[in-house]
C-alpha cells in the first residue's frame, strides 16, 4: 500500500512539473501583460555605432623584488605583486602595484 501511494505521489509531482513546463500559449486564458501590449504599434529605431579600434590585451600577475633586510639572524627579501597588462605584441600597457607582499626568509649562518 505504501509503495502504491509513493508511486502515485511521484506521478503527481512529475505531472505538475510537466504542466508548468509547457509554453505559455498552451495555457488557455492565461496570458502575461507583456503579450497584451504587443498589439500596439511598434516604431522602428536604428542607431549607428562607431567602430572603435580595440586591441587584445593580456593581464598577468608578477612579483618584483622590493628590498632586502637583515633581522634576527635572517636575511628577509620582500616581493610585491603587480598586475601587468600587455597588448598583443607583448608591450606593457599598464602596470599596477597591489597591496600583496610575499617575504622569503633565509637563515644566515654564523661562522
PDB file of N, CA and C in Angstrom:
ATOM      1  N   UNK A   1       0.826  -1.192   0.000  1.00  0.00           N
ATOM      2  CA  UNK A   1       0.000   0.000   0.000  1.00  0.00           C
ATOM      3  C   UNK A   1       0.874   1.263   0.000  1.00  0.00           C
ATOM      4  N   UNK A   2       1.960   1.254   0.802  1.00  0.00           N
ATOM      5  CA  UNK A   2       2.843   2.413   0.852  1.00  0.00           C
ATOM      6  C   UNK A   2       3.535   2.630  -0.484  1.00  0.00           C
ATOM      7  N   UNK A   3       3.900   1.555  -1.162  1.00  0.00           N
ATOM      8  CA  UNK A   3       4.554   1.667  -2.461  1.00  0.00           C
ATOM      9  C   UNK A   3       3.626   2.308  -3.481  1.00  0.00           C
ATOM     10  N   UNK A   4       2.353   1.949  -3.430  1.00  0.00           N
ATOM     11  CA  UNK A   4       1.390   2.499  -4.383  1.00  0.00           C
ATOM     12  C   UNK A   4       1.199   3.999  -4.125  1.00  0.00           C
ATOM     13  N   UNK A   5       1.103   4.406  -2.845  1.00  0.00           N
ATOM     14  CA  UNK A   5       0.946   5.830  -2.525  1.00  0.00           C
ATOM     15  C   UNK A   5       2.187   6.624  -2.931  1.00  0.00           C
ATOM     16  N   UNK A   6       3.380   6.080  -2.729  1.00  0.00           N
ATOM     17  CA  UNK A   6       4.606   6.751  -3.163  1.00  0.00           C
ATOM     18  C   UNK A   6       4.633   6.894  -4.678  1.00  0.00           C
ATOM     19  N   UNK A   7       4.236   5.838  -5.377  1.00  0.00           N
ATOM     20  CA  UNK A   7       4.213   5.878  -6.831  1.00  0.00           C
ATOM     21  C   UNK A   7       3.218   6.921  -7.341  1.00  0.00           C
ATOM     22  N   UNK A   8       2.038   6.992  -6.741  1.00  0.00           N
ATOM     23  CA  UNK A   8       1.038   7.982  -7.134  1.00  0.00           C
ATOM     24  C   UNK A   8       1.542   9.395  -6.835  1.00  0.00           C
ATOM     25  N   UNK A   9       2.222   9.578  -5.700  1.00  0.00           N
ATOM     26  CA  UNK A   9       2.781  10.882  -5.349  1.00  0.00           C
ATOM     27  C   UNK A   9       3.840  11.332  -6.347  1.00  0.00           C
ATOM     28  N   UNK A  10       4.712  10.408  -6.749  1.00  0.00           N
ATOM     29  CA  UNK A  10       5.748  10.731  -7.724  1.00  0.00           C
ATOM     30  C   UNK A  10       5.128  11.087  -9.066  1.00  0.00           C
ATOM     31  N   UNK A  11       4.128  10.341  -9.487  1.00  0.00           N
ATOM     32  CA  UNK A  11       3.439  10.631 -10.747  1.00  0.00           C
ATOM     33  C   UNK A  11       2.763  11.999 -10.671  1.00  0.00           C
ATOM     34  N   UNK A  12       2.177  12.335  -9.525  1.00  0.00           N
ATOM     35  CA  UNK A  12       1.509  13.628  -9.385  1.00  0.00           C
ATOM     36  C   UNK A  12       2.522  14.780  -9.468  1.00  0.00           C
ATOM     37  N   UNK A  13       3.677  14.623  -8.827  1.00  0.00           N
ATOM     38  CA  UNK A  13       4.701  15.669  -8.863  1.00  0.00           C
ATOM     39  C   UNK A  13       5.243  15.818 -10.274  1.00  0.00           C
ATOM     40  N   UNK A  14       5.515  14.726 -10.950  1.00  0.00           N
ATOM     41  CA  UNK A  14       6.007  14.786 -12.323  1.00  0.00           C
ATOM     42  C   UNK A  14       4.973  15.394 -13.266  1.00  0.00           C
ATOM     43  N   UNK A  15       3.703  15.059 -13.070  1.00  0.00           N
ATOM     44  CA  UNK A  15       2.642  15.625 -13.896  1.00  0.00           C
ATOM     45  C   UNK A  15       2.499  17.115 -13.696  1.00  0.00           C
ATOM     46  N   UNK A  16       2.590  17.580 -12.435  1.00  0.00           N
ATOM     47  CA  UNK A  16       2.507  19.014 -12.154  1.00  0.00           C
ATOM     48  C   UNK A  16       3.705  19.742 -12.748  1.00  0.00           C
ATOM     49  N   UNK A  17       4.894  19.156 -12.644  1.00  0.00           N
ATOM     50  CA  UNK A  17       6.096  19.762 -13.225  1.00  0.00           C
ATOM     51  C   UNK A  17       5.969  19.851 -14.740  1.00  0.00           C
ATOM     52  N   UNK A  18       5.462  18.794 -15.374  1.00  0.00           N
ATOM     53  CA  UNK A  18       5.278  18.821 -16.822  1.00  0.00           C
ATOM     54  C   UNK A  18       4.248  19.875 -17.215  1.00  0.00           C
ATOM     55  N   UNK A  19       3.218  20.054 -16.406  1.00  0.00           N
ATOM     56  CA  UNK A  19       2.203  21.077 -16.673  1.00  0.00           C
ATOM     57  C   UNK A  19       2.821  22.467 -16.633  1.00  0.00           C
ATOM     58  N   UNK A  20       3.727  22.715 -15.688  1.00  0.00           N
ATOM     59  CA  UNK A  20       4.366  24.018 -15.579  1.00  0.00           C
ATOM     60  C   UNK A  20       5.392  24.257 -16.672  1.00  0.00           C
ATOM     61  N   UNK A  21       5.939  23.218 -17.271  1.00  0.00           N
ATOM     62  CA  UNK A  21       6.982  23.348 -18.284  1.00  0.00           C
ATOM     63  C   UNK A  21       6.438  23.653 -19.682  1.00  0.00           C
ATOM     64  N   UNK A  22       5.136  23.503 -19.929  1.00  0.00           N
ATOM     65  CA  UNK A  22       4.582  23.788 -21.239  1.00  0.00           C
ATOM     66  C   UNK A  22       4.669  25.270 -21.538  1.00  0.00           C
ATOM     67  N   UNK A  23       4.774  25.644 -22.823  1.00  0.00           N
ATOM     68  CA  UNK A  23       4.828  27.067 -23.176  1.00  0.00           C
ATOM     69  C   UNK A  23       3.572  27.800 -22.739  1.00  0.00           C
ATOM     70  N   UNK A  24       3.689  29.102 -22.598  1.00  0.00           N
ATOM     71  CA  UNK A  24       2.589  29.912 -22.085  1.00  0.00           C
ATOM     72  C   UNK A  24       1.374  29.891 -23.001  1.00  0.00           C
ATOM     73  N   UNK A  25       1.567  29.714 -24.301  1.00  0.00           N
ATOM     74  CA  UNK A  25       0.450  29.720 -25.240  1.00  0.00           C
ATOM     75  C   UNK A  25      -0.511  28.559 -25.003  1.00  0.00           C
ATOM     76  N   UNK A  26      -0.028  27.490 -24.386  1.00  0.00           N
ATOM     77  CA  UNK A  26      -0.907  26.342 -24.174  1.00  0.00           C
ATOM     78  C   UNK A  26      -1.814  26.540 -22.966  1.00  0.00           C
ATOM     79  N   UNK A  27      -1.549  27.545 -22.120  1.00  0.00           N
ATOM     80  CA  UNK A  27      -2.436  27.827 -21.001  1.00  0.00           C
ATOM     81  C   UNK A  27      -3.642  28.580 -21.550  1.00  0.00           C
ATOM     82  N   UNK A  28      -4.775  27.998 -21.459  1.00  0.00           N
ATOM     83  CA  UNK A  28      -5.974  28.615 -22.017  1.00  0.00           C
ATOM     84  C   UNK A  28      -6.449  29.740 -21.117  1.00  0.00           C
ATOM     85  N   UNK A  29      -6.459  30.937 -21.653  1.00  0.00           N
ATOM     86  CA  UNK A  29      -6.958  32.073 -20.898  1.00  0.00           C
ATOM     87  C   UNK A  29      -5.922  32.774 -20.047  1.00  0.00           C
ATOM     88  N   UNK A  30      -4.740  32.211 -19.894  1.00  0.00           N
ATOM     89  CA  UNK A  30      -3.704  32.836 -19.075  1.00  0.00           C
ATOM     90  C   UNK A  30      -2.661  33.461 -19.985  1.00  0.00           C
ATOM     91  N   UNK A  31      -2.501  34.767 -19.890  1.00  0.00           N
ATOM     92  CA  UNK A  31      -1.501  35.477 -20.674  1.00  0.00           C
ATOM     93  C   UNK A  31      -0.880  36.551 -19.789  1.00  0.00           C
ATOM     94  N   UNK A  32       0.378  36.803 -20.008  1.00  0.00           N
ATOM     95  CA  UNK A  32       1.022  37.864 -19.234  1.00  0.00           C
ATOM     96  C   UNK A  32       0.636  39.213 -19.807  1.00  0.00           C
ATOM     97  N   UNK A  33       0.849  40.265 -19.048  1.00  0.00           N
ATOM     98  CA  UNK A  33       0.505  41.600 -19.515  1.00  0.00           C
ATOM     99  C   UNK A  33       1.411  42.024 -20.666  1.00  0.00           C
ATOM    100  N   UNK A  34       2.599  41.457 -20.754  1.00  0.00           N
ATOM    101  CA  UNK A  34       3.520  41.802 -21.829  1.00  0.00           C
ATOM    102  C   UNK A  34       2.961  41.380 -23.188  1.00  0.00           C
ATOM    103  N   UNK A  35       2.336  40.214 -23.275  1.00  0.00           N
ATOM    104  CA  UNK A  35       1.811  39.756 -24.558  1.00  0.00           C
ATOM    105  C   UNK A  35       0.614  40.587 -24.988  1.00  0.00           C
ATOM    106  N   UNK A  36      -0.115  41.166 -24.050  1.00  0.00           N
ATOM    107  CA  UNK A  36      -1.237  42.020 -24.409  1.00  0.00           C
ATOM    108  C   UNK A  36      -0.755  43.349 -24.977  1.00  0.00           C
ATOM    109  N   UNK A  37       0.401  43.798 -24.587  1.00  0.00           N
ATOM    110  CA  UNK A  37       0.909  45.073 -25.044  1.00  0.00           C
ATOM    111  C   UNK A  37       1.533  44.987 -26.432  1.00  0.00           C
ATOM    112  N   UNK A  38       1.750  43.808 -26.955  1.00  0.00           N
ATOM    113  CA  UNK A  38       2.379  43.677 -28.264  1.00  0.00           C
ATOM    114  C   UNK A  38       1.437  44.051 -29.396  1.00  0.00           C
ATOM    115  N   UNK A  39       0.165  44.244 -29.119  1.00  0.00           N
ATOM    116  CA  UNK A  39      -0.785  44.634 -30.158  1.00  0.00           C
ATOM    117  C   UNK A  39      -0.629  46.104 -30.543  1.00  0.00           C
ATOM    118  N   UNK A  40       0.067  46.886 -29.723  1.00  0.00           N
ATOM    119  CA  UNK A  40       0.264  48.292 -30.026  1.00  0.00           C
ATOM    120  C   UNK A  40       1.236  48.428 -31.195  1.00  0.00           C
ATOM    121  N   UNK A  41       1.166  49.588 -31.846  1.00  0.00           N
ATOM    122  CA  UNK A  41       2.055  49.824 -32.979  1.00  0.00           C
ATOM    123  C   UNK A  41       3.486  49.960 -32.488  1.00  0.00           C
ATOM    124  N   UNK A  42       4.386  49.381 -33.231  1.00  0.00           N
ATOM    125  CA  UNK A  42       5.793  49.491 -32.861  1.00  0.00           C
ATOM    126  C   UNK A  42       6.497  50.431 -33.823  1.00  0.00           C
ATOM    127  N   UNK A  43       7.507  51.087 -33.320  1.00  0.00           N
ATOM    128  CA  UNK A  43       8.248  52.052 -34.105  1.00  0.00           C
ATOM    129  C   UNK A  43       9.659  51.528 -34.304  1.00  0.00           C
ATOM    130  N   UNK A  44      10.129  51.588 -35.543  1.00  0.00           N
ATOM    131  CA  UNK A  44      11.461  51.086 -35.846  1.00  0.00           C
ATOM    132  C   UNK A  44      12.490  52.145 -35.486  1.00  0.00           C
ATOM    133  N   UNK A  45      13.489  51.728 -34.768  1.00  0.00           N
ATOM    134  CA  UNK A  45      14.537  52.634 -34.328  1.00  0.00           C
ATOM    135  C   UNK A  45      15.864  52.071 -34.813  1.00  0.00           C
ATOM    136  N   UNK A  46      16.695  52.939 -35.365  1.00  0.00           N
ATOM    137  CA  UNK A  46      18.016  52.493 -35.795  1.00  0.00           C
ATOM    138  C   UNK A  46      19.061  53.407 -35.186  1.00  0.00           C
ATOM    139  N   UNK A  47      20.222  52.854 -34.974  1.00  0.00           N
ATOM    140  CA  UNK A  47      21.319  53.624 -34.406  1.00  0.00           C
ATOM    141  C   UNK A  47      22.599  53.237 -35.119  1.00  0.00           C
ATOM    142  N   UNK A  48      23.455  54.210 -35.265  1.00  0.00           N
ATOM    143  CA  UNK A  48      24.750  53.935 -35.868  1.00  0.00           C
ATOM    144  C   UNK A  48      25.783  53.779 -34.768  1.00  0.00           C
ATOM    145  N   UNK A  49      26.578  52.769 -34.910  1.00  0.00           N
ATOM    146  CA  UNK A  49      27.610  52.502 -33.921  1.00  0.00           C
ATOM    147  C   UNK A  49      28.958  52.788 -34.549  1.00  0.00           C
ATOM    148  N   UNK A  50      29.729  53.617 -33.871  1.00  0.00           N
ATOM    149  CA  UNK A  50      31.058  53.909 -34.364  1.00  0.00           C
ATOM    150  C   UNK A  50      31.981  52.744 -34.037  1.00  0.00           C
ATOM    151  N   UNK A  51      32.802  52.406 -34.989  1.00  0.00           N
ATOM    152  CA  UNK A  51      33.749  51.335 -34.751  1.00  0.00           C
ATOM    153  C   UNK A  51      34.921  51.880 -33.953  1.00  0.00           C
ATOM    154  N   UNK A  52      35.270  51.157 -32.919  1.00  0.00           N
ATOM    155  CA  UNK A  52      36.361  51.563 -32.048  1.00  0.00           C
ATOM    156  C   UNK A  52      37.472  50.536 -32.202  1.00  0.00           C
ATOM    157  N   UNK A  53      38.666  51.042 -32.453  1.00  0.00           N
ATOM    158  CA  UNK A  53      39.803  50.140 -32.548  1.00  0.00           C
ATOM    159  C   UNK A  53      40.178  49.668 -31.155  1.00  0.00           C
ATOM    160  N   UNK A  54      40.002  48.395 -30.940  1.00  0.00           N
ATOM    161  CA  UNK A  54      40.373  47.825 -29.660  1.00  0.00           C
ATOM    162  C   UNK A  54      41.456  46.790 -29.899  1.00  0.00           C
ATOM    163  N   UNK A  55      42.411  46.788 -29.027  1.00  0.00           N
ATOM    164  CA  UNK A  55      43.456  45.804 -29.137  1.00  0.00           C
ATOM    165  C   UNK A  55      43.223  44.728 -28.086  1.00  0.00           C
ATOM    166  N   UNK A  56      43.736  43.572 -28.385  1.00  0.00           N
ATOM    167  CA  UNK A  56      43.636  42.497 -27.415  1.00  0.00           C
ATOM    168  C   UNK A  56      44.674  42.734 -26.340  1.00  0.00           C
ATOM    169  N   UNK A  57      44.275  42.542 -25.109  1.00  0.00           N
ATOM    170  CA  UNK A  57      45.216  42.725 -24.015  1.00  0.00           C
ATOM    171  C   UNK A  57      45.227  41.476 -23.155  1.00  0.00           C
ATOM    172  N   UNK A  58      46.354  41.243 -22.564  1.00  0.00           N
ATOM    173  CA  UNK A  58      46.546  40.086 -21.710  1.00  0.00           C
ATOM    174  C   UNK A  58      47.050  40.581 -20.369  1.00  0.00           C
ATOM    175  N   UNK A  59      46.481  40.078 -19.312  1.00  0.00           N
ATOM    176  CA  UNK A  59      46.937  40.508 -17.999  1.00  0.00           C
ATOM    177  C   UNK A  59      47.572  39.329 -17.283  1.00  0.00           C
ATOM    178  N   UNK A  60      48.554  39.657 -16.472  1.00  0.00           N
ATOM    179  CA  UNK A  60      49.244  38.641 -15.695  1.00  0.00           C
ATOM    180  C   UNK A  60      49.618  39.230 -14.348  1.00  0.00           C
ATOM    181  N   UNK A  61      49.968  38.375 -13.448  1.00  0.00           N
ATOM    182  CA  UNK A  61      50.399  38.785 -12.118  1.00  0.00           C
ATOM    183  C   UNK A  61      51.848  38.397 -11.964  1.00  0.00           C
ATOM    184  N   UNK A  62      52.656  39.357 -11.573  1.00  0.00           N
ATOM    185  CA  UNK A  62      54.076  39.105 -11.391  1.00  0.00           C
ATOM    186  C   UNK A  62      54.528  39.715 -10.074  1.00  0.00           C
ATOM    187  N   UNK A  63      55.577  39.150  -9.519  1.00  0.00           N
ATOM    188  CA  UNK A  63      56.173  39.674  -8.299  1.00  0.00           C
ATOM    189  C   UNK A  63      57.524  40.302  -8.633  1.00  0.00           C
ATOM    190  N   UNK A  64      57.793  41.450  -8.032  1.00  0.00           N
ATOM    191  CA  UNK A  64      59.072  42.110  -8.206  1.00  0.00           C
ATOM    192  C   UNK A  64      59.690  42.345  -6.844  1.00  0.00           C
ATOM    193  N   UNK A  65      61.010  42.189  -6.787  1.00  0.00           N
ATOM    194  CA  UNK A  65      61.730  42.347  -5.527  1.00  0.00           C
ATOM    195  C   UNK A  65      61.726  43.818  -5.114  1.00  0.00           C
ATOM    196  N   UNK A  66      61.286  44.069  -3.887  1.00  0.00           N
ATOM    197  CA  UNK A  66      61.215  45.424  -3.359  1.00  0.00           C
ATOM    198  C   UNK A  66      62.455  45.765  -2.533  1.00  0.00           C
ATOM    199  N   UNK A  67      62.970  44.793  -1.805  1.00  0.00           N
ATOM    200  CA  UNK A  67      64.119  45.105  -0.977  1.00  0.00           C
ATOM    201  C   UNK A  67      64.575  43.902  -0.165  1.00  0.00           C
ATOM    202  N   UNK A  68      65.714  44.077   0.506  1.00  0.00           N
ATOM    203  CA  UNK A  68      66.291  43.047   1.360  1.00  0.00           C
ATOM    204  C   UNK A  68      66.739  43.693   2.662  1.00  0.00           C
ATOM    205  N   UNK A  69      66.470  42.997   3.779  1.00  0.00           N
ATOM    206  CA  UNK A  69      66.964  43.489   5.067  1.00  0.00           C
ATOM    207  C   UNK A  69      67.409  42.306   5.910  1.00  0.00           C
ATOM    208  N   UNK A  70      68.253  42.588   6.881  1.00  0.00           N
ATOM    209  CA  UNK A  70      68.749  41.552   7.785  1.00  0.00           C
ATOM    210  C   UNK A  70      68.155  41.829   9.153  1.00  0.00           C
ATOM    211  N   UNK A  71      67.494  40.802   9.709  1.00  0.00           N
ATOM    212  CA  UNK A  71      66.851  40.956  11.013  1.00  0.00           C
ATOM    213  C   UNK A  71      66.878  39.626  11.748  1.00  0.00           C
ATOM    214  N   UNK A  72      67.311  39.640  13.008  1.00  0.00           N
ATOM    215  CA  UNK A  72      67.304  38.473  13.902  1.00  0.00           C
ATOM    216  C   UNK A  72      68.014  37.267  13.303  1.00  0.00           C
ATOM    217  N   UNK A  73      69.116  37.460  12.632  1.00  0.00           N
ATOM    218  CA  UNK A  73      69.885  36.361  12.064  1.00  0.00           C
ATOM    219  C   UNK A  73      69.316  35.817  10.763  1.00  0.00           C
ATOM    220  N   UNK A  74      68.410  36.532  10.153  1.00  0.00           N
ATOM    221  CA  UNK A  74      67.806  36.120   8.883  1.00  0.00           C
ATOM    222  C   UNK A  74      67.951  37.241   7.856  1.00  0.00           C
ATOM    223  N   UNK A  75      68.093  36.850   6.615  1.00  0.00           N
ATOM    224  CA  UNK A  75      68.018  37.797   5.512  1.00  0.00           C
ATOM    225  C   UNK A  75      66.601  37.690   4.957  1.00  0.00           C
ATOM    226  N   UNK A  76      65.879  38.806   4.941  1.00  0.00           N
ATOM    227  CA  UNK A  76      64.470  38.816   4.531  1.00  0.00           C
ATOM    228  C   UNK A  76      64.355  39.604   3.236  1.00  0.00           C
ATOM    229  N   UNK A  77      63.824  38.934   2.201  1.00  0.00           N
ATOM    230  CA  UNK A  77      63.585  39.580   0.914  1.00  0.00           C
ATOM    231  C   UNK A  77      62.087  39.801   0.758  1.00  0.00           C
ATOM    232  N   UNK A  78      61.710  41.014   0.356  1.00  0.00           N
ATOM    233  CA  UNK A  78      60.280  41.320   0.164  1.00  0.00           C
ATOM    234  C   UNK A  78      59.997  41.470  -1.325  1.00  0.00           C
ATOM    235  N   UNK A  79      58.880  40.870  -1.746  1.00  0.00           N
ATOM    236  CA  UNK A  79      58.438  40.912  -3.132  1.00  0.00           C
ATOM    237  C   UNK A  79      57.021  41.464  -3.165  1.00  0.00           C
ATOM    238  N   UNK A  80      56.755  42.388  -4.093  1.00  0.00           N
ATOM    239  CA  UNK A  80      55.433  42.993  -4.237  1.00  0.00           C
ATOM    240  C   UNK A  80      54.762  42.484  -5.501  1.00  0.00           C
ATOM    241  N   UNK A  81      53.456  42.265  -5.404  1.00  0.00           N
ATOM    242  CA  UNK A  81      52.683  41.766  -6.539  1.00  0.00           C
ATOM    243  C   UNK A  81      52.240  42.934  -7.418  1.00  0.00           C
ATOM    244  N   UNK A  82      52.351  42.732  -8.752  1.00  0.00           N
ATOM    245  CA  UNK A  82      51.927  43.726  -9.734  1.00  0.00           C
ATOM    246  C   UNK A  82      50.980  43.071 -10.737  1.00  0.00           C
ATOM    247  N   UNK A  83      49.922  43.788 -11.103  1.00  0.00           N
ATOM    248  CA  UNK A  83      49.056  43.372 -12.204  1.00  0.00           C
ATOM    249  C   UNK A  83      49.583  44.046 -13.464  1.00  0.00           C
ATOM    250  N   UNK A  84      50.002  43.242 -14.426  1.00  0.00           N
ATOM    251  CA  UNK A  84      50.608  43.769 -15.640  1.00  0.00           C
ATOM    252  C   UNK A  84      49.710  43.450 -16.826  1.00  0.00           C
ATOM    253  N   UNK A  85      49.359  44.478 -17.601  1.00  0.00           N
ATOM    254  CA  UNK A  85      48.539  44.315 -18.796  1.00  0.00           C
ATOM    255  C   UNK A  85      49.422  44.552 -20.017  1.00  0.00           C
ATOM    256  N   UNK A  86      49.397  43.585 -20.939  1.00  0.00           N
ATOM    257  CA  UNK A  86      50.197  43.665 -22.156  1.00  0.00           C
ATOM    258  C   UNK A  86      49.284  43.622 -23.368  1.00  0.00           C
ATOM    259  N   UNK A  87      49.712  44.258 -24.461  1.00  0.00           N
ATOM    260  CA  UNK A  87      48.954  44.178 -25.703  1.00  0.00           C
ATOM    261  C   UNK A  87      49.369  42.910 -26.450  1.00  0.00           C
ATOM    262  N   UNK A  88      48.794  42.735 -27.643  1.00  0.00           N
ATOM    263  CA  UNK A  88      49.047  41.505 -28.392  1.00  0.00           C
ATOM    264  C   UNK A  88      50.475  41.409 -28.915  1.00  0.00           C
ATOM    265  N   UNK A  89      51.221  42.504 -28.889  1.00  0.00           N
ATOM    266  CA  UNK A  89      52.610  42.474 -29.338  1.00  0.00           C
ATOM    267  C   UNK A  89      53.585  42.257 -28.187  1.00  0.00           C
ATOM    268  N   UNK A  90      53.087  42.198 -26.957  1.00  0.00           N
ATOM    269  CA  UNK A  90      53.940  41.967 -25.807  1.00  0.00           C
ATOM    270  C   UNK A  90      54.412  43.226 -25.114  1.00  0.00           C
ATOM    271  N   UNK A  91      53.949  44.379 -25.542  1.00  0.00           N
ATOM    272  CA  UNK A  91      54.318  45.640 -24.907  1.00  0.00           C
ATOM    273  C   UNK A  91      53.483  45.848 -23.649  1.00  0.00           C
ATOM    274  N   UNK A  92      54.116  46.345 -22.588  1.00  0.00           N
ATOM    275  CA  UNK A  92      53.407  46.589 -21.340  1.00  0.00           C
ATOM    276  C   UNK A  92      52.565  47.849 -21.490  1.00  0.00           C
ATOM    277  N   UNK A  93      51.250  47.701 -21.311  1.00  0.00           N
ATOM    278  CA  UNK A  93      50.318  48.810 -21.433  1.00  0.00           C
ATOM    279  C   UNK A  93      50.088  49.453 -20.071  1.00  0.00           C
ATOM    280  N   UNK A  94      49.923  48.617 -19.036  1.00  0.00           N
ATOM    281  CA  UNK A  94      49.634  49.136 -17.708  1.00  0.00           C
ATOM    282  C   UNK A  94      50.288  48.226 -16.675  1.00  0.00           C
ATOM    283  N   UNK A  95      50.845  48.830 -15.629  1.00  0.00           N
ATOM    284  CA  UNK A  95      51.484  48.094 -14.543  1.00  0.00           C
ATOM    285  C   UNK A  95      50.974  48.682 -13.235  1.00  0.00           C
ATOM    286  N   UNK A  96      50.154  47.918 -12.508  1.00  0.00           N
ATOM    287  CA  UNK A  96      49.502  48.423 -11.309  1.00  0.00           C
ATOM    288  C   UNK A  96      49.998  47.635 -10.095  1.00  0.00           C
ATOM    289  N   UNK A  97      50.595  48.303  -9.101  1.00  0.00           N
ATOM    290  CA  UNK A  97      51.013  47.584  -7.894  1.00  0.00           C
ATOM    291  C   UNK A  97      49.807  47.260  -7.018  1.00  0.00           C
ATOM    292  N   UNK A  98      49.876  46.132  -6.331  1.00  0.00           N
ATOM    293  CA  UNK A  98      48.815  45.737  -5.407  1.00  0.00           C
ATOM    294  C   UNK A  98      49.333  45.854  -3.983  1.00  0.00           C
ATOM    295  N   UNK A  99      48.488  45.552  -3.032  1.00  0.00           N
ATOM    296  CA  UNK A  99      48.868  45.602  -1.623  1.00  0.00           C
ATOM    297  C   UNK A  99      49.362  44.251  -1.113  1.00  0.00           C
ATOM    298  N   UNK A 100      49.640  43.329  -1.998  1.00  0.00           N
ATOM    299  CA  UNK A 100      50.046  41.980  -1.610  1.00  0.00           C
ATOM    300  C   UNK A 100      51.567  41.872  -1.664  1.00  0.00           C
ATOM    301  N   UNK A 101      52.127  41.432  -0.563  1.00  0.00           N
ATOM    302  CA  UNK A 101      53.573  41.226  -0.457  1.00  0.00           C
ATOM    303  C   UNK A 101      53.848  39.783  -0.083  1.00  0.00           C
ATOM    304  N   UNK A 102      54.970  39.253  -0.555  1.00  0.00           N
ATOM    305  CA  UNK A 102      55.478  37.951  -0.137  1.00  0.00           C
ATOM    306  C   UNK A 102      56.878  38.157   0.409  1.00  0.00           C
ATOM    307  N   UNK A 103      57.208  37.382   1.409  1.00  0.00           N
ATOM    308  CA  UNK A 103      58.512  37.510   2.036  1.00  0.00           C
ATOM    309  C   UNK A 103      59.215  36.156   2.021  1.00  0.00           C
ATOM    310  N   UNK A 104      60.505  36.177   1.681  1.00  0.00           N
ATOM    311  CA  UNK A 104      61.354  34.993   1.765  1.00  0.00           C
ATOM    312  C   UNK A 104      62.383  35.244   2.858  1.00  0.00           C
ATOM    313  N   UNK A 105      62.528  34.275   3.729  1.00  0.00           N
ATOM    314  CA  UNK A 105      63.434  34.427   4.861  1.00  0.00           C
ATOM    315  C   UNK A 105      64.519  33.359   4.774  1.00  0.00           C
ATOM    316  N   UNK A 106      65.774  33.795   4.820  1.00  0.00           N
ATOM    317  CA  UNK A 106      66.919  32.895   4.748  1.00  0.00           C
ATOM    318  C   UNK A 106      67.711  33.013   6.041  1.00  0.00           C
ATOM    319  N   UNK A 107      68.056  31.854   6.608  1.00  0.00           N
ATOM    320  CA  UNK A 107      68.875  31.831   7.829  1.00  0.00           C
ATOM    321  C   UNK A 107      70.313  32.149   7.465  1.00  0.00           C
ATOM    322  N   UNK A 108      70.900  33.112   8.182  1.00  0.00           N
ATOM    323  CA  UNK A 108      72.304  33.472   7.971  1.00  0.00           C
ATOM    324  C   UNK A 108      73.126  32.635   8.933  1.00  0.00           C
ATOM    325  N   UNK A 109      74.028  31.852   8.376  1.00  0.00           N
ATOM    326  CA  UNK A 109      74.864  31.007   9.221  1.00  0.00           C
ATOM    327  C   UNK A 109      76.029  31.814   9.735  1.00  0.00           C
ATOM    328  N   UNK A 110      76.208  31.780  11.038  1.00  0.00           N
ATOM    329  CA  UNK A 110      77.298  32.491  11.665  1.00  0.00           C
ATOM    330  C   UNK A 110      78.485  31.556  11.796  1.00  0.00           C
ATOM    331  N   UNK A 111      79.647  32.008  11.427  1.00  0.00           N
ATOM    332  CA  UNK A 111      80.842  31.170  11.492  1.00  0.00           C
ATOM    333  C   UNK A 111      81.719  31.575  12.630  1.00  0.00           C
TER     334      UNK A 111
END
